[in-house]
C-alpha cells in the first residue's frame, strides 16, 4: 500500500526492497502476490500512484458534491 504514496521514480526500487524482504520469509508466502503485482500493476504506475495528488482520502471526493 505504501508504493502508491511514493514518488513515481522510486516505486520500482521500493517494490524491489519489499520483494527482497519477502524472500526472507519462510516458505515465501508473498511470492504469488508480488508476482501478480509486478505483472499487472508495475507497467502503468501513473494509473494508481497518488504521490502528487492533493486529495488523499475519499472523504474529500464525497463531500465535493454536497
C-alpha atoms as a PDB file:
ATOM      1  CA  UNK A   1       0.000   0.000   0.000  1.00  0.00           C
ATOM      2  CA  UNK A   2       2.880   2.369   0.626  1.00  0.00           C
ATOM      3  CA  UNK A   3       4.026   2.209  -3.001  1.00  0.00           C
ATOM      4  CA  UNK A   4       1.068   4.348  -4.057  1.00  0.00           C
ATOM      5  CA  UNK A   5       2.346   7.172  -1.846  1.00  0.00           C
ATOM      6  CA  UNK A   6       5.939   7.097  -3.115  1.00  0.00           C
ATOM      7  CA  UNK A   7       7.278   9.298  -5.938  1.00  0.00           C
ATOM      8  CA  UNK A   8       6.792   7.523  -9.266  1.00  0.00           C
ATOM      9  CA  UNK A   9      10.531   7.273  -9.910  1.00  0.00           C
ATOM     10  CA  UNK A  10      11.051   5.442  -6.599  1.00  0.00           C
ATOM     11  CA  UNK A  11       8.219   2.908  -6.842  1.00  0.00           C
ATOM     12  CA  UNK A  12      10.198   0.161  -8.603  1.00  0.00           C
ATOM     13  CA  UNK A  13      13.108   0.395  -6.154  1.00  0.00           C
ATOM     14  CA  UNK A  14      10.600   0.330  -3.274  1.00  0.00           C
ATOM     15  CA  UNK A  15       8.968  -2.739  -4.774  1.00  0.00           C
ATOM     16  CA  UNK A  16      12.377  -4.397  -5.063  1.00  0.00           C
ATOM     17  CA  UNK A  17      13.019  -3.729  -1.360  1.00  0.00           C
ATOM     18  CA  UNK A  18       9.668  -5.273  -0.439  1.00  0.00           C
ATOM     19  CA  UNK A  19      10.396  -8.247  -2.670  1.00  0.00           C
ATOM     20  CA  UNK A  20      13.828  -8.767  -1.080  1.00  0.00           C
ATOM     21  CA  UNK A  21      12.347  -8.638   2.415  1.00  0.00           C
ATOM     22  CA  UNK A  22       9.555 -11.042   1.445  1.00  0.00           C
ATOM     23  CA  UNK A  23      12.082 -13.562   0.147  1.00  0.00           C
ATOM     24  CA  UNK A  24      13.455 -13.822   3.683  1.00  0.00           C
ATOM     25  CA  UNK A  25      10.104 -15.161   4.950  1.00  0.00           C
ATOM     26  CA  UNK A  26       9.901 -18.905   5.470  1.00  0.00           C
ATOM     27  CA  UNK A  27       8.008 -20.569   2.625  1.00  0.00           C
ATOM     28  CA  UNK A  28       7.762 -17.298   0.606  1.00  0.00           C
ATOM     29  CA  UNK A  29       4.054 -16.703   1.326  1.00  0.00           C
ATOM     30  CA  UNK A  30       4.183 -13.372  -0.540  1.00  0.00           C
ATOM     31  CA  UNK A  31       5.626 -14.787  -3.770  1.00  0.00           C
ATOM     32  CA  UNK A  32       2.317 -15.117  -5.656  1.00  0.00           C
ATOM     33  CA  UNK A  33       1.064 -11.701  -4.566  1.00  0.00           C
ATOM     34  CA  UNK A  34       4.290  -9.949  -5.552  1.00  0.00           C
ATOM     35  CA  UNK A  35       4.407 -11.741  -8.897  1.00  0.00           C
ATOM     36  CA  UNK A  36       0.796 -10.663  -9.586  1.00  0.00           C
ATOM     37  CA  UNK A  37       1.552  -7.072  -8.602  1.00  0.00           C
ATOM     38  CA  UNK A  38       4.647  -6.955 -10.765  1.00  0.00           C
ATOM     39  CA  UNK A  39       2.864  -8.345 -13.833  1.00  0.00           C
ATOM     40  CA  UNK A  40      -0.316  -6.303 -13.536  1.00  0.00           C
ATOM     41  CA  UNK A  41       0.493  -3.036 -11.801  1.00  0.00           C
ATOM     42  CA  UNK A  42       4.124  -2.044 -12.358  1.00  0.00           C
ATOM     43  CA  UNK A  43       3.506  -1.458 -16.074  1.00  0.00           C
ATOM     44  CA  UNK A  44       1.375   1.665 -15.529  1.00  0.00           C
ATOM     45  CA  UNK A  45       2.375   3.230 -12.216  1.00  0.00           C
ATOM     46  CA  UNK A  46       0.805   6.599 -13.071  1.00  0.00           C
ATOM     47  CA  UNK A  47      -2.615   4.918 -13.073  1.00  0.00           C
ATOM     48  CA  UNK A  48      -2.616   4.210  -9.321  1.00  0.00           C
ATOM     49  CA  UNK A  49       0.136   6.407  -7.859  1.00  0.00           C
ATOM     50  CA  UNK A  50      -1.225   9.292  -5.784  1.00  0.00           C
ATOM     51  CA  UNK A  51       2.048  10.948  -4.750  1.00  0.00           C
ATOM     52  CA  UNK A  52       1.241  14.262  -6.468  1.00  0.00           C
ATOM     53  CA  UNK A  53      -2.493  14.237  -5.727  1.00  0.00           C
ATOM     54  CA  UNK A  54      -3.863  16.846  -3.362  1.00  0.00           C
ATOM     55  CA  UNK A  55      -6.742  14.570  -2.366  1.00  0.00           C
ATOM     56  CA  UNK A  56      -5.549  11.740  -0.092  1.00  0.00           C
ATOM     57  CA  UNK A  57      -8.870  10.387   1.183  1.00  0.00           C
ATOM     58  CA  UNK A  58     -12.251   9.640  -0.330  1.00  0.00           C
ATOM     59  CA  UNK A  59     -13.843  11.974   2.250  1.00  0.00           C
ATOM     60  CA  UNK A  60     -12.808  14.988   0.180  1.00  0.00           C
ATOM     61  CA  UNK A  61     -14.231  13.455  -3.002  1.00  0.00           C
ATOM     62  CA  UNK A  62     -17.541  12.540  -1.360  1.00  0.00           C
ATOM     63  CA  UNK A  63     -18.013  15.982   0.150  1.00  0.00           C
ATOM     64  CA  UNK A  64     -17.351  17.809  -3.118  1.00  0.00           C
ATOM     65  CA  UNK A  65     -20.861  17.158  -4.496  1.00  0.00           C
ATOM     66  CA  UNK A  66     -22.707  18.321  -1.399  1.00  0.00           C
END
